[in-house]
Amino acid sequence: MKKISFVCCSLLVFTACKNDSKVTTTETVTAKKDSVIVKTQAEENTPTAETKELPTLKECTEKQVEYETEVECIFKNKDVSEVYHKTIKDREIEKAELLLPELPKENITKEINKDGLISISYIVSPKKTDIEFQFEGGVTTLSLEQKDKDVKRVIIHSAD
C-alpha cells in the first residue's frame, strides 16, 4: 500500500512540475545606452520577418479552346520591358532563358535547333511585341502590349 501511495504521489508531483513548465513568462528588458541588449524568451520565439519583393499587381485569366491554352494577364503600372524581364526571371514560359536579354527594336529570328525548340521570332511594332517559339510539337506565343500605364501579356500554347 505504501508503494502504491508513493507512486501516486510521485505521479502527482511529476505532472504538476510538467504543467508548470508550459507556462511562459514575458519579461521586459530595458537597455541602457552602450549596453548589451538581451533578448527575452518571448522575442526568441517570435518568427523573424523576412523582406520579400512586393508582388506584382496583375490580373490573369485562362482560356482553353481545343488544342490551345491562352493565359492573359494585365500588369498594372508597368512597361513592356519590365514585364518582359519578369517573364524571363520567373520562367513563366518554357525555354524563357533562351530569350534575348533585352527586347529588340526590330524584327529578328533567332535559330535555336536544341531540345525540340527550332527558333524564336520577335515581331516588333510600336506598342506591341509578339515572340513566337517554334517547337517541333507546336508554337508558343508571348505577346506584350502597352495599354496606357498597363501591360497586357498573353501567352498562347498551341499544339500542331
Protein backbone atom coordinates (compact mmCIF):
# COMPACT_ATOMS: atom_id res chain seq x y z
CA MET A 1 0.00 0.00 0.00
CA LYS A 2 2.86 2.32 0.81
CA LYS A 3 4.35 1.66 -2.61
CA ILE A 4 1.09 2.48 -4.40
CA SER A 5 0.65 5.73 -2.47
CA PHE A 6 4.30 6.63 -3.13
CA VAL A 7 3.83 6.03 -6.89
CA CYS A 8 0.62 8.11 -6.90
CA CYS A 9 2.27 10.97 -5.05
CA SER A 10 5.25 10.81 -7.38
CA LEU A 11 2.98 10.99 -10.43
CA LEU A 12 1.11 13.97 -8.98
CA VAL A 13 4.35 15.82 -8.29
CA PHE A 14 5.72 14.91 -11.72
CA THR A 15 2.60 16.11 -13.59
CA ALA A 16 2.47 19.29 -11.50
CA CYS A 17 6.08 20.05 -12.43
CA LYS A 18 5.41 19.28 -16.07
CA ASN A 19 2.39 21.62 -16.21
CA ASP A 20 4.36 24.46 -14.61
CA SER A 21 7.00 24.28 -17.32
CA LYS A 22 4.41 25.05 -20.01
CA VAL A 23 3.69 28.47 -18.53
CA THR A 24 5.79 31.09 -20.28
CA THR A 25 6.52 34.48 -18.95
CA THR A 26 7.34 37.56 -20.91
CA GLU A 27 9.93 39.77 -19.40
CA THR A 28 10.79 43.26 -20.47
CA VAL A 29 14.42 44.21 -20.59
CA THR A 30 15.30 47.86 -20.75
CA ALA A 31 18.58 48.56 -22.46
CA LYS A 32 20.74 51.43 -21.45
CA LYS A 33 22.92 53.28 -23.91
CA ASP A 34 26.14 51.37 -24.76
CA SER A 35 24.90 48.22 -23.05
CA VAL A 36 24.31 44.76 -24.46
CA ILE A 37 20.71 44.10 -25.47
CA VAL A 38 19.35 40.86 -24.09
CA LYS A 39 16.53 39.08 -25.91
CA THR A 40 13.65 37.94 -23.80
CA GLN A 41 12.15 34.50 -24.10
CA ALA A 42 9.12 35.89 -25.91
CA GLU A 43 11.31 37.63 -28.54
CA GLU A 44 13.24 34.44 -29.27
CA ASN A 45 10.05 32.53 -30.04
CA THR A 46 8.61 35.09 -32.46
CA PRO A 47 9.36 34.42 -36.12
CA THR A 48 11.58 36.94 -37.82
CA ALA A 49 10.04 39.00 -40.57
CA GLU A 50 11.56 38.35 -43.97
CA THR A 51 11.87 41.07 -46.53
CA LYS A 52 10.37 39.98 -49.79
CA GLU A 53 9.89 41.68 -53.11
CA LEU A 54 6.50 43.28 -53.35
CA PRO A 55 4.19 41.19 -55.51
CA THR A 56 3.47 42.49 -58.97
CA LEU A 57 -0.08 43.66 -59.39
CA LYS A 58 -1.54 41.54 -62.15
CA GLU A 59 -4.89 40.13 -63.12
CA CYS A 60 -4.88 36.89 -65.09
CA THR A 61 -7.48 34.86 -66.95
CA GLU A 62 -7.02 31.49 -68.58
CA LYS A 63 -8.93 30.13 -71.56
CA GLN A 64 -8.71 26.71 -73.15
CA VAL A 65 -10.07 26.03 -76.61
CA GLU A 66 -9.44 22.65 -78.24
CA TYR A 67 -5.64 22.36 -78.63
CA GLU A 68 -4.84 25.85 -77.43
CA THR A 69 -4.34 27.37 -73.99
CA GLU A 70 -4.32 31.14 -73.55
CA VAL A 71 -3.27 32.96 -70.37
CA GLU A 72 -3.92 36.71 -70.42
CA CYS A 73 -2.51 38.95 -67.68
CA ILE A 74 -2.75 42.68 -67.12
CA PHE A 75 0.21 44.19 -65.24
CA LYS A 76 -0.72 47.47 -63.56
CA ASN A 77 1.62 50.47 -63.84
CA LYS A 78 4.38 48.60 -65.73
CA ASP A 79 6.06 48.95 -69.08
CA VAL A 80 6.71 46.25 -71.68
CA SER A 81 10.40 45.93 -70.80
CA GLU A 82 9.66 45.30 -67.09
CA VAL A 83 7.08 42.61 -67.90
CA TYR A 84 9.48 41.01 -70.43
CA HIS A 85 12.25 40.77 -67.81
CA LYS A 86 9.82 39.46 -65.16
CA THR A 87 8.60 36.77 -67.58
CA ILE A 88 12.19 35.64 -68.16
CA LYS A 89 13.13 35.83 -64.46
CA ASP A 90 10.06 33.90 -63.27
CA ARG A 91 10.32 31.40 -66.17
CA GLU A 92 6.64 31.76 -66.89
CA ILE A 93 7.20 30.37 -70.35
CA GLU A 94 9.10 27.27 -71.43
CA LYS A 95 12.69 27.99 -72.61
CA ALA A 96 12.46 31.60 -71.35
CA GLU A 97 16.18 31.52 -70.58
CA LEU A 98 16.86 31.48 -74.35
CA LEU A 99 15.16 34.84 -74.89
CA LEU A 100 17.34 37.84 -75.71
CA PRO A 101 18.40 39.82 -72.63
CA GLU A 102 16.73 42.97 -73.99
CA LEU A 103 13.70 43.38 -76.23
CA PRO A 104 14.84 44.08 -79.81
CA LYS A 105 13.78 47.25 -81.62
CA GLU A 106 13.23 45.42 -84.94
CA ASN A 107 12.03 42.02 -86.17
CA ILE A 108 14.54 39.22 -85.51
CA THR A 109 14.51 35.43 -85.79
CA LYS A 110 16.94 33.51 -83.59
CA GLU A 111 17.65 29.93 -84.75
CA ILE A 112 17.98 27.52 -81.81
CA ASN A 113 17.58 23.88 -83.00
CA LYS A 114 18.06 22.49 -79.50
CA ASP A 115 15.88 20.37 -77.18
CA GLY A 116 12.87 20.48 -79.51
CA LEU A 117 12.97 24.26 -79.97
CA ILE A 118 13.52 25.27 -83.59
CA SER A 119 13.55 29.07 -83.41
CA ILE A 120 12.39 32.19 -81.59
CA SER A 121 10.93 35.03 -83.69
CA TYR A 122 10.43 38.61 -82.49
CA ILE A 123 7.76 40.63 -84.32
CA VAL A 124 8.07 44.24 -83.13
CA SER A 125 5.61 47.11 -83.62
CA PRO A 126 5.44 50.45 -81.78
CA LYS A 127 3.26 49.37 -78.82
CA LYS A 128 3.24 45.59 -79.22
CA THR A 129 5.81 42.81 -79.41
CA ASP A 130 4.99 39.22 -80.35
CA ILE A 131 7.51 36.48 -79.62
CA GLU A 132 6.92 33.08 -81.23
CA PHE A 133 8.63 29.93 -80.02
CA GLN A 134 8.60 27.36 -82.85
CA PHE A 135 8.74 23.91 -81.24
CA GLU A 136 8.71 20.57 -83.04
CA GLY A 137 5.32 19.89 -81.43
CA GLY A 138 3.69 23.30 -81.69
CA VAL A 139 4.00 27.03 -81.21
CA THR A 140 4.08 29.13 -78.05
CA THR A 141 3.38 32.84 -78.50
CA LEU A 142 4.24 35.54 -75.99
CA SER A 143 2.51 38.82 -76.74
CA LEU A 144 3.33 42.03 -74.85
CA GLU A 145 1.21 45.12 -75.48
CA GLN A 146 1.44 48.52 -73.79
CA LYS A 147 -2.03 49.86 -72.86
CA ASP A 148 -1.65 53.33 -71.31
CA LYS A 149 0.10 52.69 -67.96
CA ASP A 150 -0.54 48.93 -68.00
CA VAL A 151 0.83 45.99 -69.98
CA LYS A 152 -1.28 43.19 -71.42
CA ARG A 153 0.66 39.93 -71.62
CA VAL A 154 -0.82 36.96 -73.47
CA ILE A 155 0.84 33.53 -73.54
CA ILE A 156 -0.70 31.10 -76.05
CA HIS A 157 0.34 27.44 -76.17
CA SER A 158 -0.76 25.83 -79.47
CA ALA A 159 -0.29 22.22 -80.48
CA ASP A 160 0.30 21.20 -84.11
